[in-house]
Amino acid sequence: MQRIQGKAVIGRPLAAGALALALAATGLAAQASGGTTRLTRAGKTAPIATAARRVSLVENAHLKFAAEHGSALSERGSATGTYDAPVAVTLTIHPKTVTATVTIYPSGGSITGYANANYTVKGSYGYFGGTMTVSHGTGKYRHISEVNGKPLGFSGKISHISFAMEVKAHGEANL
C-alpha cells in the first residue's frame, strides 16, 4: 500500500483486480437470474432488448368433432407445417360467416388466435376463408405478434355429415 499526503492508497494492480472481481460478480448475478443483461455506466445491470425473430407460419390441420356448445363446434386434431403439434378449434357457423378460436400447442407453449371468415355451402361441405389475428401466446411464444399488424390467412372446409374439418393458416409472425 502506498501513502500519498498521509492517506492510504490502493496500488493500481490491486484496484484493477478489485474492479475485475466486481464485474465478474455482476456477471454471475446476471447469469443466476436467468436473464440477458448488460452492465451500465453506473455499474448496475439492465436487461438487453433482443430483436424479434420472424417466422413464416404455414399450418394444415385435420380435425375431428369433439363437442357441441350451442352453435359452436369444438374440434381437436393435429397440425403439420411450421409446428407439428396438437390443435384445438372452436368454430361458430353463422349464415354467411364463421368465427373461430384456434389454439396450437407446439413444444414450449401455446399460440391462440381469433379468426373471422366468409362461409359458403356447396354440397355436403361448408367452405370458409378469411383472416386470423394472433391474440396471445404462452411459454416461449408469449411475445408472438403479427408482422406489422398484418393478420394471418385462414381457410378450410367442414363436412356437414361428420363435422370433420380441415383448416389452413398461413402468414408471418414475430416471436
N, C-alpha and C. Protein backbone atom coordinates (compact mmCIF):
# COMPACT_ATOMS: atom_id res chain seq x y z
N MET A 1 0.85 -1.16 0.00
CA MET A 1 0.00 0.00 0.00
C MET A 1 0.90 1.22 0.00
N GLN A 2 0.50 2.22 -0.77
CA GLN A 2 1.26 3.46 -0.84
C GLN A 2 0.59 4.51 0.02
N ARG A 3 1.36 5.51 0.42
CA ARG A 3 0.80 6.64 1.16
C ARG A 3 1.08 7.90 0.36
N ILE A 4 0.04 8.66 0.06
CA ILE A 4 0.19 9.93 -0.62
C ILE A 4 -0.45 10.97 0.28
N GLN A 5 0.29 11.99 0.66
CA GLN A 5 -0.14 13.05 1.57
C GLN A 5 -0.83 12.48 2.80
N GLY A 6 -0.26 11.40 3.36
CA GLY A 6 -0.74 10.84 4.61
C GLY A 6 -1.95 9.93 4.49
N LYS A 7 -2.43 9.65 3.27
CA LYS A 7 -3.61 8.79 3.09
C LYS A 7 -3.17 7.47 2.48
N ALA A 8 -3.82 6.40 2.89
CA ALA A 8 -3.52 5.09 2.33
C ALA A 8 -4.19 4.99 0.96
N VAL A 9 -3.45 4.53 -0.05
CA VAL A 9 -3.96 4.42 -1.41
C VAL A 9 -3.70 3.00 -1.90
N ILE A 10 -4.68 2.38 -2.50
CA ILE A 10 -4.51 1.04 -3.06
C ILE A 10 -3.75 1.18 -4.36
N GLY A 11 -2.77 0.33 -4.56
CA GLY A 11 -1.99 0.36 -5.79
C GLY A 11 -2.84 -0.02 -7.00
N ARG A 12 -2.46 0.43 -8.19
CA ARG A 12 -3.22 0.18 -9.40
C ARG A 12 -3.49 -1.30 -9.68
N PRO A 13 -2.50 -2.20 -9.54
CA PRO A 13 -2.79 -3.60 -9.82
C PRO A 13 -3.89 -4.16 -8.91
N LEU A 14 -3.90 -3.77 -7.66
CA LEU A 14 -4.91 -4.24 -6.73
C LEU A 14 -6.28 -3.65 -7.09
N ALA A 15 -6.32 -2.38 -7.44
CA ALA A 15 -7.59 -1.73 -7.82
C ALA A 15 -8.16 -2.38 -9.06
N ALA A 16 -7.33 -2.69 -10.05
CA ALA A 16 -7.79 -3.35 -11.27
C ALA A 16 -8.35 -4.73 -10.96
N GLY A 17 -7.69 -5.44 -10.04
CA GLY A 17 -8.18 -6.75 -9.63
C GLY A 17 -9.53 -6.65 -8.93
N ALA A 18 -9.70 -5.63 -8.08
CA ALA A 18 -10.99 -5.44 -7.39
C ALA A 18 -12.09 -5.13 -8.39
N LEU A 19 -11.78 -4.31 -9.40
CA LEU A 19 -12.76 -3.98 -10.44
C LEU A 19 -13.14 -5.24 -11.23
N ALA A 20 -12.16 -6.05 -11.59
CA ALA A 20 -12.44 -7.29 -12.33
C ALA A 20 -13.31 -8.22 -11.50
N LEU A 21 -13.02 -8.32 -10.19
CA LEU A 21 -13.82 -9.16 -9.31
C LEU A 21 -15.26 -8.65 -9.23
N ALA A 22 -15.44 -7.34 -9.14
CA ALA A 22 -16.79 -6.76 -9.08
C ALA A 22 -17.55 -7.04 -10.37
N LEU A 23 -16.88 -6.90 -11.52
CA LEU A 23 -17.53 -7.18 -12.80
C LEU A 23 -17.90 -8.66 -12.91
N ALA A 24 -17.03 -9.54 -12.47
CA ALA A 24 -17.32 -10.98 -12.52
C ALA A 24 -18.51 -11.31 -11.63
N ALA A 25 -18.57 -10.71 -10.46
CA ALA A 25 -19.69 -10.96 -9.55
C ALA A 25 -21.00 -10.48 -10.17
N THR A 26 -20.96 -9.33 -10.83
CA THR A 26 -22.16 -8.81 -11.50
C THR A 26 -22.60 -9.75 -12.61
N GLY A 27 -21.64 -10.27 -13.38
CA GLY A 27 -21.97 -11.20 -14.45
C GLY A 27 -22.56 -12.49 -13.91
N LEU A 28 -22.04 -12.99 -12.79
CA LEU A 28 -22.59 -14.19 -12.19
C LEU A 28 -24.00 -13.95 -11.70
N ALA A 29 -24.27 -12.77 -11.13
CA ALA A 29 -25.62 -12.46 -10.67
C ALA A 29 -26.58 -12.41 -11.86
N ALA A 30 -26.12 -11.86 -12.97
CA ALA A 30 -26.98 -11.81 -14.16
C ALA A 30 -27.27 -13.21 -14.69
N GLN A 31 -26.25 -14.09 -14.69
CA GLN A 31 -26.47 -15.46 -15.13
C GLN A 31 -27.42 -16.19 -14.20
N ALA A 32 -27.27 -15.99 -12.91
CA ALA A 32 -28.12 -16.68 -11.95
C ALA A 32 -29.58 -16.26 -12.08
N SER A 33 -29.81 -15.00 -12.49
CA SER A 33 -31.19 -14.53 -12.63
C SER A 33 -31.86 -15.10 -13.87
N GLY A 34 -31.08 -15.69 -14.79
CA GLY A 34 -31.65 -16.30 -15.98
C GLY A 34 -31.91 -15.31 -17.10
N GLY A 35 -31.65 -14.03 -16.88
CA GLY A 35 -31.94 -13.04 -17.91
C GLY A 35 -30.69 -12.65 -18.66
N THR A 36 -30.88 -12.00 -19.77
CA THR A 36 -29.77 -11.45 -20.52
C THR A 36 -29.64 -10.00 -20.12
N THR A 37 -28.47 -9.62 -19.60
CA THR A 37 -28.30 -8.26 -19.09
C THR A 37 -27.02 -7.65 -19.63
N ARG A 38 -26.90 -6.36 -19.41
CA ARG A 38 -25.68 -5.65 -19.75
C ARG A 38 -25.30 -4.80 -18.54
N LEU A 39 -24.05 -4.41 -18.45
CA LEU A 39 -23.57 -3.58 -17.37
C LEU A 39 -23.69 -2.13 -17.78
N THR A 40 -24.34 -1.30 -16.95
CA THR A 40 -24.49 0.12 -17.26
C THR A 40 -23.28 0.88 -16.78
N ARG A 41 -23.18 2.17 -17.14
CA ARG A 41 -22.07 3.00 -16.68
C ARG A 41 -22.05 3.14 -15.17
N ALA A 42 -23.21 3.04 -14.55
CA ALA A 42 -23.29 3.15 -13.09
C ALA A 42 -22.89 1.85 -12.40
N GLY A 43 -22.52 0.83 -13.19
CA GLY A 43 -22.11 -0.43 -12.61
C GLY A 43 -23.26 -1.35 -12.25
N LYS A 44 -24.47 -1.02 -12.72
CA LYS A 44 -25.64 -1.85 -12.46
C LYS A 44 -25.96 -2.66 -13.71
N THR A 45 -26.77 -3.69 -13.55
CA THR A 45 -27.17 -4.48 -14.71
C THR A 45 -28.53 -4.02 -15.20
N ALA A 46 -28.73 -4.12 -16.50
CA ALA A 46 -30.00 -3.75 -17.12
C ALA A 46 -30.32 -4.79 -18.18
N PRO A 47 -31.62 -5.07 -18.43
CA PRO A 47 -31.97 -6.07 -19.46
C PRO A 47 -31.57 -5.59 -20.85
N ILE A 48 -31.25 -6.55 -21.69
CA ILE A 48 -30.91 -6.25 -23.08
C ILE A 48 -32.11 -6.62 -23.94
N ALA A 49 -32.55 -5.69 -24.77
CA ALA A 49 -33.64 -5.98 -25.70
C ALA A 49 -33.09 -6.84 -26.83
N THR A 50 -33.86 -7.83 -27.22
CA THR A 50 -33.45 -8.66 -28.35
C THR A 50 -34.43 -8.46 -29.50
N ALA A 51 -33.95 -8.55 -30.70
CA ALA A 51 -34.79 -8.38 -31.87
C ALA A 51 -35.75 -9.55 -32.00
N ALA A 52 -36.97 -9.24 -32.45
CA ALA A 52 -37.96 -10.29 -32.66
C ALA A 52 -37.51 -11.16 -33.82
N ARG A 53 -37.77 -12.44 -33.70
CA ARG A 53 -37.44 -13.38 -34.77
C ARG A 53 -38.69 -13.56 -35.62
N ARG A 54 -38.57 -13.36 -36.92
CA ARG A 54 -39.70 -13.50 -37.84
C ARG A 54 -39.83 -14.96 -38.26
N VAL A 55 -41.06 -15.48 -38.17
CA VAL A 55 -41.33 -16.87 -38.52
C VAL A 55 -42.42 -16.90 -39.57
N SER A 56 -42.22 -17.69 -40.61
CA SER A 56 -43.26 -17.90 -41.61
C SER A 56 -44.10 -19.08 -41.15
N LEU A 57 -45.36 -18.80 -40.85
CA LEU A 57 -46.27 -19.85 -40.36
C LEU A 57 -47.07 -20.43 -41.50
N VAL A 58 -47.05 -21.73 -41.61
CA VAL A 58 -47.88 -22.47 -42.56
C VAL A 58 -48.34 -23.72 -41.83
N GLU A 59 -49.61 -23.76 -41.47
CA GLU A 59 -50.15 -24.89 -40.73
C GLU A 59 -51.34 -25.48 -41.46
N ASN A 60 -51.39 -26.79 -41.53
CA ASN A 60 -52.52 -27.52 -42.09
C ASN A 60 -52.99 -28.48 -41.00
N ALA A 61 -54.26 -28.38 -40.63
CA ALA A 61 -54.77 -29.22 -39.55
C ALA A 61 -55.95 -30.05 -40.02
N HIS A 62 -55.99 -31.28 -39.56
CA HIS A 62 -57.13 -32.18 -39.78
C HIS A 62 -57.75 -32.42 -38.42
N LEU A 63 -59.01 -32.04 -38.30
CA LEU A 63 -59.67 -32.05 -37.00
C LEU A 63 -60.91 -32.93 -37.01
N LYS A 64 -61.22 -33.45 -35.83
CA LYS A 64 -62.41 -34.27 -35.65
C LYS A 64 -63.32 -33.60 -34.64
N PHE A 65 -64.59 -33.79 -34.83
CA PHE A 65 -65.60 -33.25 -33.93
C PHE A 65 -65.38 -33.79 -32.52
N ALA A 66 -65.38 -32.87 -31.53
CA ALA A 66 -65.21 -33.27 -30.13
C ALA A 66 -66.46 -32.99 -29.31
N ALA A 67 -67.10 -31.83 -29.54
CA ALA A 67 -68.28 -31.48 -28.75
C ALA A 67 -69.01 -30.32 -29.42
N GLU A 68 -70.26 -30.13 -28.99
CA GLU A 68 -71.07 -29.02 -29.49
C GLU A 68 -71.53 -28.21 -28.28
N HIS A 69 -71.39 -26.91 -28.39
CA HIS A 69 -71.80 -26.00 -27.32
C HIS A 69 -72.70 -24.93 -27.95
N GLY A 70 -73.99 -25.22 -28.03
CA GLY A 70 -74.89 -24.31 -28.72
C GLY A 70 -74.58 -24.32 -30.19
N SER A 71 -74.25 -23.15 -30.74
CA SER A 71 -73.92 -23.09 -32.17
C SER A 71 -72.42 -23.25 -32.43
N ALA A 72 -71.63 -23.47 -31.37
CA ALA A 72 -70.18 -23.62 -31.52
C ALA A 72 -69.79 -25.10 -31.54
N LEU A 73 -68.94 -25.44 -32.48
CA LEU A 73 -68.41 -26.80 -32.58
C LEU A 73 -66.97 -26.82 -32.09
N SER A 74 -66.66 -27.72 -31.18
CA SER A 74 -65.29 -27.90 -30.71
C SER A 74 -64.67 -29.04 -31.50
N GLU A 75 -63.49 -28.79 -32.03
CA GLU A 75 -62.77 -29.78 -32.85
C GLU A 75 -61.36 -29.92 -32.32
N ARG A 76 -60.81 -31.11 -32.43
CA ARG A 76 -59.44 -31.38 -32.00
C ARG A 76 -58.73 -32.21 -33.05
N GLY A 77 -57.42 -32.03 -33.12
CA GLY A 77 -56.64 -32.80 -34.08
C GLY A 77 -55.19 -32.39 -34.01
N SER A 78 -54.50 -32.55 -35.14
CA SER A 78 -53.09 -32.19 -35.17
C SER A 78 -52.78 -31.40 -36.43
N ALA A 79 -51.78 -30.55 -36.30
CA ALA A 79 -51.34 -29.71 -37.41
C ALA A 79 -49.99 -30.17 -37.90
N THR A 80 -49.76 -29.96 -39.17
CA THR A 80 -48.43 -30.19 -39.75
C THR A 80 -48.02 -28.90 -40.44
N GLY A 81 -46.74 -28.67 -40.48
CA GLY A 81 -46.24 -27.46 -41.11
C GLY A 81 -45.10 -26.89 -40.30
N THR A 82 -45.18 -25.60 -39.99
CA THR A 82 -44.14 -24.95 -39.20
C THR A 82 -44.01 -25.63 -37.84
N TYR A 83 -45.14 -25.90 -37.21
CA TYR A 83 -45.16 -26.62 -35.94
C TYR A 83 -46.02 -27.85 -36.10
N ASP A 84 -45.46 -29.02 -35.92
CA ASP A 84 -46.25 -30.25 -35.91
C ASP A 84 -46.73 -30.40 -34.47
N ALA A 85 -48.02 -30.10 -34.26
CA ALA A 85 -48.48 -30.02 -32.88
C ALA A 85 -49.99 -30.23 -32.79
N PRO A 86 -50.48 -30.56 -31.59
CA PRO A 86 -51.93 -30.64 -31.39
C PRO A 86 -52.60 -29.28 -31.59
N VAL A 87 -53.86 -29.33 -32.04
CA VAL A 87 -54.63 -28.11 -32.29
C VAL A 87 -56.04 -28.29 -31.74
N ALA A 88 -56.58 -27.21 -31.19
CA ALA A 88 -57.98 -27.19 -30.76
C ALA A 88 -58.65 -25.98 -31.41
N VAL A 89 -59.84 -26.19 -31.98
CA VAL A 89 -60.57 -25.12 -32.65
C VAL A 89 -62.01 -25.12 -32.14
N THR A 90 -62.51 -23.93 -31.84
CA THR A 90 -63.93 -23.76 -31.56
C THR A 90 -64.47 -22.89 -32.69
N LEU A 91 -65.36 -23.46 -33.49
CA LEU A 91 -65.88 -22.81 -34.69
C LEU A 91 -67.37 -22.54 -34.52
N THR A 92 -67.76 -21.30 -34.77
CA THR A 92 -69.17 -20.93 -34.73
C THR A 92 -69.60 -20.57 -36.14
N ILE A 93 -70.61 -21.28 -36.64
CA ILE A 93 -71.09 -21.06 -38.01
C ILE A 93 -72.29 -20.12 -37.97
N HIS A 94 -72.20 -19.04 -38.73
CA HIS A 94 -73.28 -18.07 -38.90
C HIS A 94 -73.80 -18.25 -40.33
N PRO A 95 -74.90 -17.63 -40.72
CA PRO A 95 -75.42 -17.85 -42.08
C PRO A 95 -74.41 -17.60 -43.21
N LYS A 96 -73.59 -16.55 -43.13
CA LYS A 96 -72.65 -16.26 -44.21
C LYS A 96 -71.20 -16.11 -43.74
N THR A 97 -70.97 -16.32 -42.45
CA THR A 97 -69.61 -16.18 -41.90
C THR A 97 -69.37 -17.27 -40.85
N VAL A 98 -68.09 -17.43 -40.49
CA VAL A 98 -67.72 -18.25 -39.34
C VAL A 98 -66.76 -17.43 -38.48
N THR A 99 -66.79 -17.70 -37.20
CA THR A 99 -65.79 -17.16 -36.28
C THR A 99 -65.15 -18.36 -35.60
N ALA A 100 -63.91 -18.21 -35.23
CA ALA A 100 -63.20 -19.34 -34.62
C ALA A 100 -62.15 -18.87 -33.63
N THR A 101 -61.93 -19.69 -32.64
CA THR A 101 -60.79 -19.54 -31.73
C THR A 101 -59.91 -20.75 -32.01
N VAL A 102 -58.66 -20.49 -32.35
CA VAL A 102 -57.73 -21.55 -32.72
C VAL A 102 -56.55 -21.53 -31.75
N THR A 103 -56.23 -22.67 -31.16
CA THR A 103 -55.06 -22.77 -30.29
C THR A 103 -54.22 -23.95 -30.75
N ILE A 104 -52.94 -23.67 -30.99
CA ILE A 104 -51.98 -24.71 -31.34
C ILE A 104 -51.01 -24.85 -30.17
N TYR A 105 -50.59 -26.08 -29.90
CA TYR A 105 -49.76 -26.37 -28.74
C TYR A 105 -48.39 -26.91 -29.15
N PRO A 106 -47.53 -26.06 -29.75
CA PRO A 106 -46.19 -26.54 -30.08
C PRO A 106 -45.37 -26.72 -28.80
N SER A 107 -44.26 -27.41 -28.91
CA SER A 107 -43.40 -27.64 -27.76
C SER A 107 -42.97 -26.30 -27.15
N GLY A 108 -43.16 -26.16 -25.86
CA GLY A 108 -42.71 -24.96 -25.17
C GLY A 108 -43.77 -23.91 -24.93
N GLY A 109 -45.03 -24.17 -25.29
CA GLY A 109 -46.08 -23.18 -25.03
C GLY A 109 -47.28 -23.37 -25.93
N SER A 110 -48.03 -22.30 -26.12
CA SER A 110 -49.20 -22.33 -26.99
C SER A 110 -49.36 -21.00 -27.70
N ILE A 111 -50.10 -21.03 -28.80
CA ILE A 111 -50.41 -19.83 -29.58
C ILE A 111 -51.91 -19.84 -29.84
N THR A 112 -52.59 -18.74 -29.51
CA THR A 112 -54.03 -18.63 -29.71
C THR A 112 -54.34 -17.47 -30.63
N GLY A 113 -55.29 -17.70 -31.53
CA GLY A 113 -55.73 -16.65 -32.45
C GLY A 113 -57.23 -16.69 -32.64
N TYR A 114 -57.77 -15.58 -33.13
CA TYR A 114 -59.20 -15.48 -33.42
C TYR A 114 -59.38 -15.23 -34.91
N ALA A 115 -60.30 -15.98 -35.52
CA ALA A 115 -60.50 -15.90 -36.97
C ALA A 115 -61.91 -15.45 -37.30
N ASN A 116 -62.02 -14.72 -38.39
CA ASN A 116 -63.29 -14.33 -39.00
C ASN A 116 -63.18 -14.66 -40.48
N ALA A 117 -64.19 -15.34 -41.00
CA ALA A 117 -64.11 -15.76 -42.40
C ALA A 117 -65.50 -15.78 -43.04
N ASN A 118 -65.51 -15.60 -44.34
CA ASN A 118 -66.75 -15.78 -45.10
C ASN A 118 -67.04 -17.27 -45.18
N TYR A 119 -68.34 -17.61 -45.33
CA TYR A 119 -68.74 -19.01 -45.30
C TYR A 119 -69.76 -19.26 -46.40
N THR A 120 -69.56 -20.37 -47.12
CA THR A 120 -70.49 -20.76 -48.17
C THR A 120 -70.66 -22.29 -48.15
N VAL A 121 -71.83 -22.75 -48.53
CA VAL A 121 -72.11 -24.19 -48.56
C VAL A 121 -72.20 -24.66 -50.00
N LYS A 122 -71.49 -25.76 -50.29
CA LYS A 122 -71.55 -26.40 -51.60
C LYS A 122 -71.66 -27.90 -51.37
N GLY A 123 -72.79 -28.46 -51.67
CA GLY A 123 -72.99 -29.90 -51.43
C GLY A 123 -73.00 -30.19 -49.94
N SER A 124 -72.24 -31.19 -49.54
CA SER A 124 -72.21 -31.57 -48.13
C SER A 124 -71.06 -30.91 -47.36
N TYR A 125 -70.42 -29.90 -47.95
CA TYR A 125 -69.31 -29.20 -47.29
C TYR A 125 -69.61 -27.71 -47.15
N GLY A 126 -69.10 -27.15 -46.08
CA GLY A 126 -69.09 -25.70 -45.89
C GLY A 126 -67.66 -25.24 -46.06
N TYR A 127 -67.45 -24.18 -46.83
CA TYR A 127 -66.11 -23.66 -47.09
C TYR A 127 -65.99 -22.27 -46.47
N PHE A 128 -64.83 -22.00 -45.91
CA PHE A 128 -64.62 -20.68 -45.30
C PHE A 128 -63.23 -20.15 -45.64
N GLY A 129 -63.13 -18.82 -45.67
CA GLY A 129 -61.86 -18.16 -45.95
C GLY A 129 -61.89 -16.75 -45.40
N GLY A 130 -60.81 -16.36 -44.72
CA GLY A 130 -60.73 -15.02 -44.14
C GLY A 130 -59.40 -14.81 -43.46
N THR A 131 -59.42 -14.15 -42.31
CA THR A 131 -58.19 -13.81 -41.61
C THR A 131 -58.24 -14.25 -40.15
N MET A 132 -57.04 -14.37 -39.58
CA MET A 132 -56.90 -14.73 -38.18
C MET A 132 -55.87 -13.81 -37.54
N THR A 133 -56.22 -13.24 -36.40
CA THR A 133 -55.27 -12.42 -35.64
C THR A 133 -54.75 -13.23 -34.46
N VAL A 134 -53.48 -13.10 -34.20
CA VAL A 134 -52.87 -13.79 -33.06
C VAL A 134 -53.18 -12.96 -31.83
N SER A 135 -53.85 -13.58 -30.85
CA SER A 135 -54.22 -12.82 -29.66
C SER A 135 -53.18 -12.93 -28.55
N HIS A 136 -52.62 -14.11 -28.34
CA HIS A 136 -51.60 -14.26 -27.31
C HIS A 136 -50.90 -15.61 -27.41
N GLY A 137 -49.81 -15.70 -26.71
CA GLY A 137 -49.07 -16.95 -26.63
C GLY A 137 -48.63 -17.19 -25.20
N THR A 138 -48.20 -18.41 -24.93
CA THR A 138 -47.68 -18.74 -23.61
C THR A 138 -46.30 -19.36 -23.77
N GLY A 139 -45.57 -19.45 -22.67
CA GLY A 139 -44.24 -20.05 -22.71
C GLY A 139 -43.32 -19.27 -23.63
N LYS A 140 -42.59 -19.98 -24.46
CA LYS A 140 -41.64 -19.29 -25.34
C LYS A 140 -42.32 -18.51 -26.46
N TYR A 141 -43.65 -18.61 -26.57
CA TYR A 141 -44.40 -17.88 -27.58
C TYR A 141 -45.15 -16.68 -26.96
N ARG A 142 -44.82 -16.30 -25.74
CA ARG A 142 -45.57 -15.26 -25.04
C ARG A 142 -45.48 -13.89 -25.70
N HIS A 143 -44.51 -13.66 -26.55
CA HIS A 143 -44.36 -12.36 -27.21
C HIS A 143 -44.78 -12.40 -28.68
N ILE A 144 -45.48 -13.43 -29.09
CA ILE A 144 -45.84 -13.57 -30.50
C ILE A 144 -46.76 -12.44 -30.94
N SER A 145 -46.56 -11.99 -32.17
CA SER A 145 -47.41 -10.95 -32.76
C SER A 145 -47.32 -11.05 -34.28
N GLU A 146 -48.29 -10.46 -34.96
CA GLU A 146 -48.25 -10.43 -36.42
C GLU A 146 -47.16 -9.46 -36.87
N VAL A 147 -46.60 -9.69 -38.03
CA VAL A 147 -45.62 -8.79 -38.60
C VAL A 147 -46.36 -7.56 -39.11
N ASN A 148 -45.98 -6.41 -38.60
CA ASN A 148 -46.60 -5.13 -38.98
C ASN A 148 -48.12 -5.13 -38.81
N GLY A 149 -48.64 -5.91 -37.87
CA GLY A 149 -50.07 -5.95 -37.61
C GLY A 149 -50.90 -6.64 -38.68
N LYS A 150 -50.24 -7.30 -39.63
CA LYS A 150 -50.95 -7.97 -40.72
C LYS A 150 -51.46 -9.33 -40.26
N PRO A 151 -52.78 -9.58 -40.32
CA PRO A 151 -53.31 -10.87 -39.85
C PRO A 151 -52.89 -12.03 -40.74
N LEU A 152 -53.02 -13.22 -40.21
CA LEU A 152 -52.73 -14.44 -40.96
C LEU A 152 -53.91 -14.79 -41.85
N GLY A 153 -53.66 -15.55 -42.90
CA GLY A 153 -54.74 -16.09 -43.72
C GLY A 153 -55.34 -17.30 -43.03
N PHE A 154 -56.64 -17.50 -43.19
CA PHE A 154 -57.34 -18.59 -42.52
C PHE A 154 -58.38 -19.14 -43.48
N SER A 155 -58.35 -20.46 -43.74
CA SER A 155 -59.32 -21.06 -44.65
C SER A 155 -59.53 -22.52 -44.31
N GLY A 156 -60.56 -23.11 -44.90
CA GLY A 156 -60.80 -24.52 -44.67
C GLY A 156 -62.16 -24.98 -45.12
N LYS A 157 -62.48 -26.21 -44.73
CA LYS A 157 -63.79 -26.76 -45.07
C LYS A 157 -64.25 -27.67 -43.93
N ILE A 158 -65.58 -27.81 -43.81
CA ILE A 158 -66.15 -28.67 -42.79
C ILE A 158 -67.23 -29.54 -43.42
N SER A 159 -67.22 -30.80 -43.06
CA SER A 159 -68.22 -31.74 -43.55
C SER A 159 -69.51 -31.55 -42.76
N HIS A 160 -70.64 -31.43 -43.46
CA HIS A 160 -71.93 -31.30 -42.78
C HIS A 160 -72.44 -32.66 -42.33
N ILE A 161 -71.75 -33.72 -42.68
CA ILE A 161 -72.16 -35.07 -42.28
C ILE A 161 -71.41 -35.50 -41.02
N SER A 162 -70.08 -35.46 -41.05
CA SER A 162 -69.27 -35.93 -39.91
C SER A 162 -68.74 -34.80 -39.03
N PHE A 163 -68.86 -33.56 -39.51
CA PHE A 163 -68.29 -32.36 -38.87
C PHE A 163 -66.76 -32.38 -38.85
N ALA A 164 -66.13 -33.30 -39.57
CA ALA A 164 -64.66 -33.29 -39.69
C ALA A 164 -64.27 -32.00 -40.41
N MET A 165 -63.15 -31.44 -40.01
CA MET A 165 -62.75 -30.15 -40.55
C MET A 165 -61.29 -30.15 -40.97
N GLU A 166 -61.02 -29.42 -42.03
CA GLU A 166 -59.64 -29.14 -42.45
C GLU A 166 -59.46 -27.63 -42.34
N VAL A 167 -58.35 -27.22 -41.72
CA VAL A 167 -58.08 -25.80 -41.51
C VAL A 167 -56.67 -25.50 -41.97
N LYS A 168 -56.50 -24.36 -42.63
CA LYS A 168 -55.18 -23.88 -43.03
C LYS A 168 -54.99 -22.48 -42.51
N ALA A 169 -53.82 -22.22 -41.96
CA ALA A 169 -53.45 -20.88 -41.51
C ALA A 169 -52.05 -20.59 -42.06
N HIS A 170 -51.86 -19.38 -42.55
CA HIS A 170 -50.55 -19.02 -43.10
C HIS A 170 -50.32 -17.53 -42.95
N GLY A 171 -49.07 -17.16 -42.81
CA GLY A 171 -48.68 -15.76 -42.68
C GLY A 171 -47.36 -15.67 -41.94
N GLU A 172 -47.03 -14.46 -41.49
CA GLU A 172 -45.79 -14.25 -40.77
C GLU A 172 -46.08 -13.73 -39.38
N ALA A 173 -45.21 -14.13 -38.45
CA ALA A 173 -45.35 -13.69 -37.06
C ALA A 173 -43.97 -13.37 -36.50
N ASN A 174 -43.96 -12.49 -35.51
CA ASN A 174 -42.74 -12.18 -34.76
C ASN A 174 -42.77 -12.96 -33.46
N LEU A 175 -41.67 -13.62 -33.17
CA LEU A 175 -41.56 -14.34 -31.88
C LEU A 175 -40.64 -13.56 -30.97
